PDB file of N, CA and C in Angstrom:
ATOM      1  N   MET A   1      17.756  18.116   0.581  1.00  0.00           N
ATOM      2  CA  MET A   1      16.653  18.913   1.073  1.00  0.00           C
ATOM      3  C   MET A   1      17.144  19.791   2.215  1.00  0.00           C
ATOM      4  N   ARG A   2      16.486  20.903   2.375  1.00  0.00           N
ATOM      5  CA  ARG A   2      16.784  21.798   3.490  1.00  0.00           C
ATOM      6  C   ARG A   2      15.790  21.542   4.612  1.00  0.00           C
ATOM      7  N   VAL A   3      16.201  21.819   5.832  1.00  0.00           N
ATOM      8  CA  VAL A   3      15.369  21.610   7.011  1.00  0.00           C
ATOM      9  C   VAL A   3      14.062  22.399   6.895  1.00  0.00           C
ATOM     10  N   ALA A   4      14.136  23.642   6.456  1.00  0.00           N
ATOM     11  CA  ALA A   4      12.930  24.476   6.344  1.00  0.00           C
ATOM     12  C   ALA A   4      11.914  23.851   5.384  1.00  0.00           C
ATOM     13  N   GLN A   5      12.384  23.284   4.291  1.00  0.00           N
ATOM     14  CA  GLN A   5      11.482  22.617   3.347  1.00  0.00           C
ATOM     15  C   GLN A   5      10.813  21.419   4.009  1.00  0.00           C
ATOM     16  N   TYR A   6      11.585  20.645   4.747  1.00  0.00           N
ATOM     17  CA  TYR A   6      11.052  19.465   5.421  1.00  0.00           C
ATOM     18  C   TYR A   6       9.961  19.876   6.416  1.00  0.00           C
ATOM     19  N   ILE A   7      10.243  20.896   7.208  1.00  0.00           N
ATOM     20  CA  ILE A   7       9.286  21.353   8.226  1.00  0.00           C
ATOM     21  C   ILE A   7       8.005  21.872   7.570  1.00  0.00           C
ATOM     22  N   ARG A   8       8.143  22.583   6.464  1.00  0.00           N
ATOM     23  CA  ARG A   8       6.948  23.077   5.757  1.00  0.00           C
ATOM     24  C   ARG A   8       6.061  21.926   5.304  1.00  0.00           C
ATOM     25  N   GLY A   9       6.663  20.793   5.026  1.00  0.00           N
ATOM     26  CA  GLY A   9       5.909  19.605   4.620  1.00  0.00           C
ATOM     27  C   GLY A   9       5.123  18.978   5.769  1.00  0.00           C
ATOM     28  N   GLY A  10       5.419  19.389   6.992  1.00  0.00           N
ATOM     29  CA  GLY A  10       4.706  18.891   8.167  1.00  0.00           C
ATOM     30  C   GLY A  10       5.462  17.812   8.912  1.00  0.00           C
ATOM     31  N   LEU A  11       5.425  17.923  10.211  1.00  0.00           N
ATOM     32  CA  LEU A  11       6.046  16.932  11.084  1.00  0.00           C
ATOM     33  C   LEU A  11       4.977  15.900  11.442  1.00  0.00           C
ATOM     34  N   LYS A  12       5.135  14.701  10.961  1.00  0.00           N
ATOM     35  CA  LYS A  12       4.104  13.667  11.097  1.00  0.00           C
ATOM     36  C   LYS A  12       4.147  12.935  12.432  1.00  0.00           C
ATOM     37  N   ASN A  13       5.262  13.005  13.128  1.00  0.00           N
ATOM     38  CA  ASN A  13       5.455  12.167  14.309  1.00  0.00           C
ATOM     39  C   ASN A  13       5.632  12.942  15.611  1.00  0.00           C
ATOM     40  N   LEU A  14       5.529  14.259  15.559  1.00  0.00           N
ATOM     41  CA  LEU A  14       5.692  15.105  16.744  1.00  0.00           C
ATOM     42  C   LEU A  14       4.400  15.105  17.549  1.00  0.00           C
ATOM     43  N   VAL A  15       4.518  14.882  18.853  1.00  0.00           N
ATOM     44  CA  VAL A  15       3.375  14.934  19.753  1.00  0.00           C
ATOM     45  C   VAL A  15       3.709  15.853  20.929  1.00  0.00           C
ATOM     46  N   ASP A  16       2.669  16.274  21.656  1.00  0.00           N
ATOM     47  CA  ASP A  16       2.877  17.165  22.805  1.00  0.00           C
ATOM     48  C   ASP A  16       3.086  16.420  24.118  1.00  0.00           C
ATOM     49  N   LYS A  17       2.611  15.171  24.169  1.00  0.00           N
ATOM     50  CA  LYS A  17       2.783  14.368  25.375  1.00  0.00           C
ATOM     51  C   LYS A  17       2.878  12.903  24.975  1.00  0.00           C
ATOM     52  N   LYS A  18       3.286  12.058  25.929  1.00  0.00           N
ATOM     53  CA  LYS A  18       3.432  10.628  25.641  1.00  0.00           C
ATOM     54  C   LYS A  18       2.099  10.063  25.159  1.00  0.00           C
ATOM     55  N   PRO A  19       2.097   9.447  23.985  1.00  0.00           N
ATOM     56  CA  PRO A  19       0.851   8.875  23.473  1.00  0.00           C
ATOM     57  C   PRO A  19       0.431   7.640  24.274  1.00  0.00           C
ATOM     58  N   GLU A  20      -0.858   7.479  24.441  1.00  0.00           N
ATOM     59  CA  GLU A  20      -1.384   6.329  25.166  1.00  0.00           C
ATOM     60  C   GLU A  20      -1.063   5.046  24.403  1.00  0.00           C
ATOM     61  N   GLY A  21      -0.617   4.045  25.133  1.00  0.00           N
ATOM     62  CA  GLY A  21      -0.294   2.768  24.519  1.00  0.00           C
ATOM     63  C   GLY A  21       1.119   2.678  23.966  1.00  0.00           C
ATOM     64  N   TYR A  22       1.919   3.718  24.175  1.00  0.00           N
ATOM     65  CA  TYR A  22       3.306   3.751  23.701  1.00  0.00           C
ATOM     66  C   TYR A  22       4.239   3.633  24.900  1.00  0.00           C
ATOM     67  N   THR A  23       5.426   3.098  24.659  1.00  0.00           N
ATOM     68  CA  THR A  23       6.467   2.967  25.675  1.00  0.00           C
ATOM     69  C   THR A  23       7.576   3.956  25.352  1.00  0.00           C
ATOM     70  N   GLU A  24       8.102   4.617  26.391  1.00  0.00           N
ATOM     71  CA  GLU A  24       9.222   5.523  26.148  1.00  0.00           C
ATOM     72  C   GLU A  24      10.454   4.704  25.834  1.00  0.00           C
ATOM     73  N   LEU A  25      11.033   4.989  24.691  1.00  0.00           N
ATOM     74  CA  LEU A  25      12.239   4.294  24.257  1.00  0.00           C
ATOM     75  C   LEU A  25      13.468   4.927  24.886  1.00  0.00           C
ATOM     76  N   GLY A  26      13.464   6.262  24.985  1.00  0.00           N
ATOM     77  CA  GLY A  26      14.595   6.960  25.574  1.00  0.00           C
ATOM     78  C   GLY A  26      14.436   8.454  25.448  1.00  0.00           C
ATOM     79  N   LYS A  27      15.318   9.158  26.147  1.00  0.00           N
ATOM     80  CA  LYS A  27      15.271  10.616  26.173  1.00  0.00           C
ATOM     81  C   LYS A  27      16.701  11.140  26.249  1.00  0.00           C
ATOM     82  N   CYS A  28      16.919  12.294  25.647  1.00  0.00           N
ATOM     83  CA  CYS A  28      18.225  12.952  25.752  1.00  0.00           C
ATOM     84  C   CYS A  28      18.018  14.447  25.854  1.00  0.00           C
ATOM     85  N   THR A  29      18.731  15.061  26.771  1.00  0.00           N
ATOM     86  CA  THR A  29      18.734  16.508  26.903  1.00  0.00           C
ATOM     87  C   THR A  29      20.175  16.962  26.808  1.00  0.00           C
ATOM     88  N   SER A  30      20.396  17.956  25.960  1.00  0.00           N
ATOM     89  CA  SER A  30      21.733  18.516  25.781  1.00  0.00           C
ATOM     90  C   SER A  30      21.588  20.027  25.676  1.00  0.00           C
ATOM     91  N   GLY A  31      22.002  20.718  26.716  1.00  0.00           N
ATOM     92  CA  GLY A  31      21.809  22.165  26.731  1.00  0.00           C
ATOM     93  C   GLY A  31      20.325  22.480  26.737  1.00  0.00           C
ATOM     94  N   CYS A  32      19.879  23.293  25.790  1.00  0.00           N
ATOM     95  CA  CYS A  32      18.462  23.655  25.704  1.00  0.00           C
ATOM     96  C   CYS A  32      17.679  22.702  24.805  1.00  0.00           C
ATOM     97  N   HIS A  33      18.345  21.700  24.241  1.00  0.00           N
ATOM     98  CA  HIS A  33      17.688  20.753  23.332  1.00  0.00           C
ATOM     99  C   HIS A  33      17.298  19.479  24.070  1.00  0.00           C
ATOM    100  N   SER A  34      16.109  18.994  23.762  1.00  0.00           N
ATOM    101  CA  SER A  34      15.615  17.785  24.397  1.00  0.00           C
ATOM    102  C   SER A  34      14.741  17.019  23.422  1.00  0.00           C
ATOM    103  N   VAL A  35      14.865  15.685  23.437  1.00  0.00           N
ATOM    104  CA  VAL A  35      14.024  14.843  22.588  1.00  0.00           C
ATOM    105  C   VAL A  35      13.765  13.524  23.309  1.00  0.00           C
ATOM    106  N   SER A  36      12.523  13.058  23.201  1.00  0.00           N
ATOM    107  CA  SER A  36      12.112  11.761  23.740  1.00  0.00           C
ATOM    108  C   SER A  36      11.407  10.997  22.638  1.00  0.00           C
ATOM    109  N   PHE A  37      11.689   9.692  22.546  1.00  0.00           N
ATOM    110  CA  PHE A  37      11.038   8.839  21.555  1.00  0.00           C
ATOM    111  C   PHE A  37      10.138   7.831  22.249  1.00  0.00           C
ATOM    112  N   PHE A  38       9.005   7.540  21.620  1.00  0.00           N
ATOM    113  CA  PHE A  38       8.032   6.586  22.124  1.00  0.00           C
ATOM    114  C   PHE A  38       7.688   5.619  21.008  1.00  0.00           C
ATOM    115  N   ILE A  39       7.582   4.338  21.365  1.00  0.00           N
ATOM    116  CA  ILE A  39       7.231   3.351  20.345  1.00  0.00           C
ATOM    117  C   ILE A  39       6.015   2.537  20.786  1.00  0.00           C
ATOM    118  N   ARG A  40       5.311   2.070  19.794  1.00  0.00           N
ATOM    119  CA  ARG A  40       4.275   1.062  20.014  1.00  0.00           C
ATOM    120  C   ARG A  40       4.851  -0.214  19.424  1.00  0.00           C
ATOM    121  N   GLY A  41       4.918  -1.244  20.233  1.00  0.00           N
ATOM    122  CA  GLY A  41       5.571  -2.481  19.829  1.00  0.00           C
ATOM    123  C   GLY A  41       6.827  -2.670  20.656  1.00  0.00           C
ATOM    124  N   THR A  42       7.820  -3.334  20.073  1.00  0.00           N
ATOM    125  CA  THR A  42       9.107  -3.535  20.739  1.00  0.00           C
ATOM    126  C   THR A  42      10.200  -2.933  19.857  1.00  0.00           C
ATOM    127  N   SER A  43      11.406  -2.823  20.390  1.00  0.00           N
ATOM    128  CA  SER A  43      12.498  -2.222  19.605  1.00  0.00           C
ATOM    129  C   SER A  43      12.877  -3.076  18.398  1.00  0.00           C
ATOM    130  N   GLU A  44      12.542  -4.380  18.429  1.00  0.00           N
ATOM    131  CA  GLU A  44      12.818  -5.249  17.284  1.00  0.00           C
ATOM    132  C   GLU A  44      11.635  -5.346  16.330  1.00  0.00           C
ATOM    133  N   ARG A  45      10.455  -4.906  16.777  1.00  0.00           N
ATOM    134  CA  ARG A  45       9.244  -5.002  15.963  1.00  0.00           C
ATOM    135  C   ARG A  45       8.387  -3.760  16.212  1.00  0.00           C
ATOM    136  N   VAL A  46       8.825  -2.650  15.664  1.00  0.00           N
ATOM    137  CA  VAL A  46       8.171  -1.358  15.878  1.00  0.00           C
ATOM    138  C   VAL A  46       6.949  -1.236  14.976  1.00  0.00           C
ATOM    139  N   GLU A  47       5.827  -0.886  15.593  1.00  0.00           N
ATOM    140  CA  GLU A  47       4.604  -0.643  14.843  1.00  0.00           C
ATOM    141  C   GLU A  47       4.449   0.843  14.513  1.00  0.00           C
ATOM    142  N   ASP A  48       4.821   1.701  15.476  1.00  0.00           N
ATOM    143  CA  ASP A  48       4.707   3.146  15.275  1.00  0.00           C
ATOM    144  C   ASP A  48       5.704   3.852  16.177  1.00  0.00           C
ATOM    145  N   VAL A  49       6.059   5.073  15.793  1.00  0.00           N
ATOM    146  CA  VAL A  49       7.025   5.889  16.540  1.00  0.00           C
ATOM    147  C   VAL A  49       6.508   7.312  16.628  1.00  0.00           C
ATOM    148  N   LYS A  50       6.641   7.907  17.793  1.00  0.00           N
ATOM    149  CA  LYS A  50       6.312   9.317  18.013  1.00  0.00           C
ATOM    150  C   LYS A  50       7.448   9.925  18.815  1.00  0.00           C
ATOM    151  N   PHE A  51       7.525  11.250  18.806  1.00  0.00           N
ATOM    152  CA  PHE A  51       8.551  11.904  19.605  1.00  0.00           C
ATOM    153  C   PHE A  51       8.053  13.237  20.140  1.00  0.00           C
ATOM    154  N   ILE A  52       8.685  13.665  21.215  1.00  0.00           N
ATOM    155  CA  ILE A  52       8.497  14.992  21.788  1.00  0.00           C
ATOM    156  C   ILE A  52       9.861  15.657  21.723  1.00  0.00           C
ATOM    157  N   ALA A  53       9.900  16.919  21.307  1.00  0.00           N
ATOM    158  CA  ALA A  53      11.186  17.625  21.252  1.00  0.00           C
ATOM    159  C   ALA A  53      10.982  19.092  21.578  1.00  0.00           C
ATOM    160  N   SER A  54      12.063  19.699  22.074  1.00  0.00           N
ATOM    161  CA  SER A  54      12.017  21.137  22.282  1.00  0.00           C
ATOM    162  C   SER A  54      11.785  21.774  20.917  1.00  0.00           C
ATOM    163  N   LYS A  55      10.893  22.731  20.862  1.00  0.00           N
ATOM    164  CA  LYS A  55      10.453  23.269  19.582  1.00  0.00           C
ATOM    165  C   LYS A  55      11.296  24.436  19.080  1.00  0.00           C
ATOM    166  N   ARG A  56      12.351  24.775  19.777  1.00  0.00           N
ATOM    167  CA  ARG A  56      13.143  25.927  19.355  1.00  0.00           C
ATOM    168  C   ARG A  56      14.192  25.592  18.298  1.00  0.00           C
ATOM    169  N   CYS A  57      14.450  24.307  18.070  1.00  0.00           N
ATOM    170  CA  CYS A  57      15.466  23.925  17.086  1.00  0.00           C
ATOM    171  C   CYS A  57      14.841  23.161  15.928  1.00  0.00           C
ATOM    172  N   LYS A  58      14.741  23.811  14.802  1.00  0.00           N
ATOM    173  CA  LYS A  58      14.139  23.191  13.621  1.00  0.00           C
ATOM    174  C   LYS A  58      14.960  22.005  13.121  1.00  0.00           C
ATOM    175  N   LYS A  59      16.275  22.080  13.261  1.00  0.00           N
ATOM    176  CA  LYS A  59      17.132  20.966  12.832  1.00  0.00           C
ATOM    177  C   LYS A  59      16.818  19.709  13.641  1.00  0.00           C
ATOM    178  N   LEU A  60      16.682  19.856  14.953  1.00  0.00           N
ATOM    179  CA  LEU A  60      16.365  18.717  15.804  1.00  0.00           C
ATOM    180  C   LEU A  60      14.989  18.155  15.455  1.00  0.00           C
ATOM    181  N   LEU A  61      14.009  19.018  15.252  1.00  0.00           N
ATOM    182  CA  LEU A  61      12.660  18.570  14.901  1.00  0.00           C
ATOM    183  C   LEU A  61      12.660  17.779  13.593  1.00  0.00           C
ATOM    184  N   ALA A  62      13.325  18.311  12.585  1.00  0.00           N
ATOM    185  CA  ALA A  62      13.350  17.656  11.274  1.00  0.00           C
ATOM    186  C   ALA A  62      14.073  16.310  11.343  1.00  0.00           C
ATOM    187  N   ILE A  63      15.212  16.280  12.002  1.00  0.00           N
ATOM    188  CA  ILE A  63      15.973  15.039  12.108  1.00  0.00           C
ATOM    189  C   ILE A  63      15.176  13.993  12.886  1.00  0.00           C
ATOM    190  N   ALA A  64      14.600  14.374  14.017  1.00  0.00           N
ATOM    191  CA  ALA A  64      13.829  13.422  14.823  1.00  0.00           C
ATOM    192  C   ALA A  64      12.645  12.875  14.031  1.00  0.00           C
ATOM    193  N   ASP A  65      11.974  13.729  13.272  1.00  0.00           N
ATOM    194  CA  ASP A  65      10.827  13.285  12.484  1.00  0.00           C
ATOM    195  C   ASP A  65      11.259  12.311  11.387  1.00  0.00           C
ATOM    196  N   LEU A  66      12.326  12.640  10.675  1.00  0.00           N
ATOM    197  CA  LEU A  66      12.812  11.759   9.617  1.00  0.00           C
ATOM    198  C   LEU A  66      13.281  10.421  10.185  1.00  0.00           C
ATOM    199  N   VAL A  67      13.982  10.452  11.307  1.00  0.00           N
ATOM    200  CA  VAL A  67      14.437   9.221  11.944  1.00  0.00           C
ATOM    201  C   VAL A  67      13.239   8.366  12.362  1.00  0.00           C
ATOM    202  N   ALA A  68      12.200   9.003  12.900  1.00  0.00           N
ATOM    203  CA  ALA A  68      10.989   8.264  13.275  1.00  0.00           C
ATOM    204  C   ALA A  68      10.365   7.594  12.054  1.00  0.00           C
ATOM    205  N   GLU A  69      10.338   8.297  10.926  1.00  0.00           N
ATOM    206  CA  GLU A  69       9.812   7.718   9.683  1.00  0.00           C
ATOM    207  C   GLU A  69      10.625   6.500   9.258  1.00  0.00           C
ATOM    208  N   LYS A  70      11.943   6.617   9.319  1.00  0.00           N
ATOM    209  CA  LYS A  70      12.819   5.511   8.914  1.00  0.00           C
ATOM    210  C   LYS A  70      12.653   4.306   9.835  1.00  0.00           C
ATOM    211  N   ILE A  71      12.503   4.552  11.139  1.00  0.00           N
ATOM    212  CA  ILE A  71      12.303   3.457  12.089  1.00  0.00           C
ATOM    213  C   ILE A  71      10.988   2.743  11.774  1.00  0.00           C
ATOM    214  N   ARG A  72       9.940   3.507  11.513  1.00  0.00           N
ATOM    215  CA  ARG A  72       8.648   2.908  11.191  1.00  0.00           C
ATOM    216  C   ARG A  72       8.745   2.076   9.913  1.00  0.00           C
ATOM    217  N   GLU A  73       9.417   2.621   8.902  1.00  0.00           N
ATOM    218  CA  GLU A  73       9.574   1.897   7.632  1.00  0.00           C
ATOM    219  C   GLU A  73      10.307   0.569   7.835  1.00  0.00           C
ATOM    220  N   ARG A  74      11.358   0.597   8.641  1.00  0.00           N
ATOM    221  CA  ARG A  74      12.176  -0.607   8.852  1.00  0.00           C
ATOM    222  C   ARG A  74      11.546  -1.571   9.849  1.00  0.00           C
ATOM    223  N   GLY A  75      10.708  -1.039  10.729  1.00  0.00           N
ATOM    224  CA  GLY A  75      10.084  -1.886  11.739  1.00  0.00           C
ATOM    225  C   GLY A  75      10.993  -2.224  12.894  1.00  0.00           C
ATOM    226  N   LYS A  76      12.129  -1.521  12.995  1.00  0.00           N
ATOM    227  CA  LYS A  76      13.038  -1.741  14.126  1.00  0.00           C
ATOM    228  C   LYS A  76      13.796  -0.455  14.418  1.00  0.00           C
ATOM    229  N   VAL A  77      14.295  -0.366  15.646  1.00  0.00           N
ATOM    230  CA  VAL A  77      15.044   0.818  16.058  1.00  0.00           C
ATOM    231  C   VAL A  77      16.449   0.699  15.489  1.00  0.00           C
ATOM    232  N   TYR A  78      16.694   1.495  14.475  1.00  0.00           N
ATOM    233  CA  TYR A  78      17.971   1.470  13.772  1.00  0.00           C
ATOM    234  C   TYR A  78      18.175   2.857  13.184  1.00  0.00           C
ATOM    235  N   LEU A  79      19.398   3.338  13.205  1.00  0.00           N
ATOM    236  CA  LEU A  79      19.693   4.669  12.682  1.00  0.00           C
ATOM    237  C   LEU A  79      20.923   4.603  11.800  1.00  0.00           C
ATOM    238  N   GLU A  80      20.787   5.015  10.558  1.00  0.00           N
ATOM    239  CA  GLU A  80      21.903   5.118   9.621  1.00  0.00           C
ATOM    240  C   GLU A  80      22.213   6.609   9.483  1.00  0.00           C
ATOM    241  N   GLU A  81      23.226   7.071  10.220  1.00  0.00           N
ATOM    242  CA  GLU A  81      23.536   8.501  10.263  1.00  0.00           C
ATOM    243  C   GLU A  81      23.794   9.087   8.879  1.00  0.00           C
ATOM    244  N   GLU A  82      24.549   8.387   8.064  1.00  0.00           N
ATOM    245  CA  GLU A  82      24.879   8.907   6.729  1.00  0.00           C
ATOM    246  C   GLU A  82      23.628   9.119   5.878  1.00  0.00           C
ATOM    247  N   GLU A  83      22.655   8.243   6.028  1.00  0.00           N
ATOM    248  CA  GLU A  83      21.400   8.370   5.284  1.00  0.00           C
ATOM    249  C   GLU A  83      20.678   9.670   5.659  1.00  0.00           C
ATOM    250  N   ILE A  84      20.665   9.993   6.932  1.00  0.00           N
ATOM    251  CA  ILE A  84      19.995  11.206   7.410  1.00  0.00           C
ATOM    252  C   ILE A  84      20.761  12.444   6.945  1.00  0.00           C
ATOM    253  N   LEU A  85      22.073  12.424   7.089  1.00  0.00           N
ATOM    254  CA  LEU A  85      22.887  13.570   6.667  1.00  0.00           C
ATOM    255  C   LEU A  85      22.802  13.778   5.155  1.00  0.00           C
ATOM    256  N   LYS A  86      22.756  12.704   4.403  1.00  0.00           N
ATOM    257  CA  LYS A  86      22.624  12.816   2.949  1.00  0.00           C
ATOM    258  C   LYS A  86      21.274  13.441   2.578  1.00  0.00           C
ATOM    259  N   TYR A  87      20.226  13.059   3.297  1.00  0.00           N
ATOM    260  CA  TYR A  87      18.893  13.595   3.027  1.00  0.00           C
ATOM    261  C   TYR A  87      18.883  15.118   3.193  1.00  0.00           C
ATOM    262  N   PHE A  88      19.598  15.613   4.202  1.00  0.00           N
ATOM    263  CA  PHE A  88      19.667  17.049   4.461  1.00  0.00           C
ATOM    264  C   PHE A  88      20.978  17.657   3.958  1.00  0.00           C
ATOM    265  N   SER A  89      21.517  17.127   2.886  1.00  0.00           N
ATOM    266  CA  SER A  89      22.819  17.567   2.386  1.00  0.00           C
ATOM    267  C   SER A  89      22.826  19.025   1.909  1.00  0.00           C
ATOM    268  N   GLU A  90      21.679  19.578   1.552  1.00  0.00           N
ATOM    269  CA  GLU A  90      21.612  20.973   1.110  1.00  0.00           C
ATOM    270  C   GLU A  90      21.623  21.954   2.271  1.00  0.00           C
ATOM    271  N   GLU A  91      21.472  21.464   3.475  1.00  0.00           N
ATOM    272  CA  GLU A  91      21.409  22.321   4.655  1.00  0.00           C
ATOM    273  C   GLU A  91      22.785  22.886   4.998  1.00  0.00           C
ATOM    274  N   LYS A  92      22.806  24.156   5.342  1.00  0.00           N
ATOM    275  CA  LYS A  92      24.041  24.766   5.830  1.00  0.00           C
ATOM    276  C   LYS A  92      24.263  24.278   7.259  1.00  0.00           C
ATOM    277  N   GLU A  93      25.413  24.540   7.789  1.00  0.00           N
ATOM    278  CA  GLU A  93      25.759  24.173   9.169  1.00  0.00           C
ATOM    279  C   GLU A  93      25.623  22.669   9.417  1.00  0.00           C
ATOM    280  N   GLN A  94      26.329  21.896   8.623  1.00  0.00           N
ATOM    281  CA  GLN A  94      26.314  20.443   8.761  1.00  0.00           C
ATOM    282  C   GLN A  94      26.801  20.005  10.153  1.00  0.00           C
ATOM    283  N   ASP A  95      27.684  20.797  10.760  1.00  0.00           N
ATOM    284  CA  ASP A  95      28.163  20.461  12.095  1.00  0.00           C
ATOM    285  C   ASP A  95      27.024  20.472  13.109  1.00  0.00           C
ATOM    286  N   LYS A  96      26.101  21.424  12.968  1.00  0.00           N
ATOM    287  CA  LYS A  96      24.940  21.467  13.871  1.00  0.00           C
ATOM    288  C   LYS A  96      24.005  20.287  13.603  1.00  0.00           C
ATOM    289  N   LEU A  97      23.861  19.909  12.347  1.00  0.00           N
ATOM    290  CA  LEU A  97      23.048  18.730  12.026  1.00  0.00           C
ATOM    291  C   LEU A  97      23.630  17.499  12.718  1.00  0.00           C
ATOM    292  N   LYS A  98      24.937  17.358  12.671  1.00  0.00           N
ATOM    293  CA  LYS A  98      25.585  16.204  13.301  1.00  0.00           C
ATOM    294  C   LYS A  98      25.392  16.222  14.818  1.00  0.00           C
ATOM    295  N   GLU A  99      25.436  17.400  15.427  1.00  0.00           N
ATOM    296  CA  GLU A  99      25.204  17.514  16.870  1.00  0.00           C
ATOM    297  C   GLU A  99      23.775  17.084  17.218  1.00  0.00           C
ATOM    298  N   ARG A 100      22.809  17.538  16.440  1.00  0.00           N
ATOM    299  CA  ARG A 100      21.407  17.180  16.697  1.00  0.00           C
ATOM    300  C   ARG A 100      21.181  15.688  16.452  1.00  0.00           C
ATOM    301  N   LEU A 101      21.846  15.140  15.465  1.00  0.00           N
ATOM    302  CA  LEU A 101      21.750  13.714  15.186  1.00  0.00           C
ATOM    303  C   LEU A 101      22.316  12.905  16.348  1.00  0.00           C
ATOM    304  N   SER A 102      23.344  13.413  16.971  1.00  0.00           N
ATOM    305  CA  SER A 102      23.935  12.768  18.138  1.00  0.00           C
ATOM    306  C   SER A 102      22.937  12.751  19.308  1.00  0.00           C
ATOM    307  N   ILE A 103      22.187  13.817  19.478  1.00  0.00           N
ATOM    308  CA  ILE A 103      21.148  13.879  20.519  1.00  0.00           C
ATOM    309  C   ILE A 103      20.091  12.809  20.248  1.00  0.00           C
ATOM    310  N   VAL A 104      19.686  12.693  18.994  1.00  0.00           N
ATOM    311  CA  VAL A 104      18.685  11.689  18.604  1.00  0.00           C
ATOM    312  C   VAL A 104      19.218  10.285  18.851  1.00  0.00           C
ATOM    313  N   ARG A 105      20.456  10.042  18.460  1.00  0.00           N
ATOM    314  CA  ARG A 105      21.079   8.719  18.668  1.00  0.00           C
ATOM    315  C   ARG A 105      21.082   8.357  20.157  1.00  0.00           C
ATOM    316  N   THR A 106      21.444   9.288  21.001  1.00  0.00           N
ATOM    317  CA  THR A 106      21.473   9.033  22.443  1.00  0.00           C
ATOM    318  C   THR A 106      20.065   8.737  22.971  1.00  0.00           C
ATOM    319  N   ALA A 107      19.076   9.490  22.503  1.00  0.00           N
ATOM    320  CA  ALA A 107      17.688   9.269  22.930  1.00  0.00           C
ATOM    321  C   ALA A 107      17.188   7.888  22.516  1.00  0.00           C
ATOM    322  N   LEU A 108      17.690   7.380  21.391  1.00  0.00           N
ATOM    323  CA  LEU A 108      17.293   6.061  20.911  1.00  0.00           C
ATOM    324  C   LEU A 108      18.110   4.938  21.538  1.00  0.00           C
ATOM    325  N   ASN A 109      19.050   5.313  22.406  1.00  0.00           N
ATOM    326  CA  ASN A 109      19.936   4.335  23.064  1.00  0.00           C
ATOM    327  C   ASN A 109      20.760   3.547  22.055  1.00  0.00           C
ATOM    328  N   LEU A 110      21.241   4.234  21.024  1.00  0.00           N
ATOM    329  CA  LEU A 110      22.063   3.582  19.986  1.00  0.00           C
ATOM    330  C   LEU A 110      23.513   4.020  20.108  1.00  0.00           C
TER     331      LEU A 110
END
């Protein structure tokens, strides 16, 4: 899938501010890119995940949203980088995807 296709489908986990009842899991800022993750529950028993990110990078938004979905599905804070890169395998500039994934990993404290 391409990032633009993913974004057109809607970002389900993006919020404008910290949601009430959620704990900040972590934050990472790199240059002009920034992402923060919030969870309801604990890192071993996640009930829900939301994130805030700088809106100028579609790659970061798409990756953060997909990672949030995977964390919710698994019920724990875990990131399989290859799974995310494979999902966006049609995207050009794979090096930029890897950089944005690194920002997400740091924000998740992984």
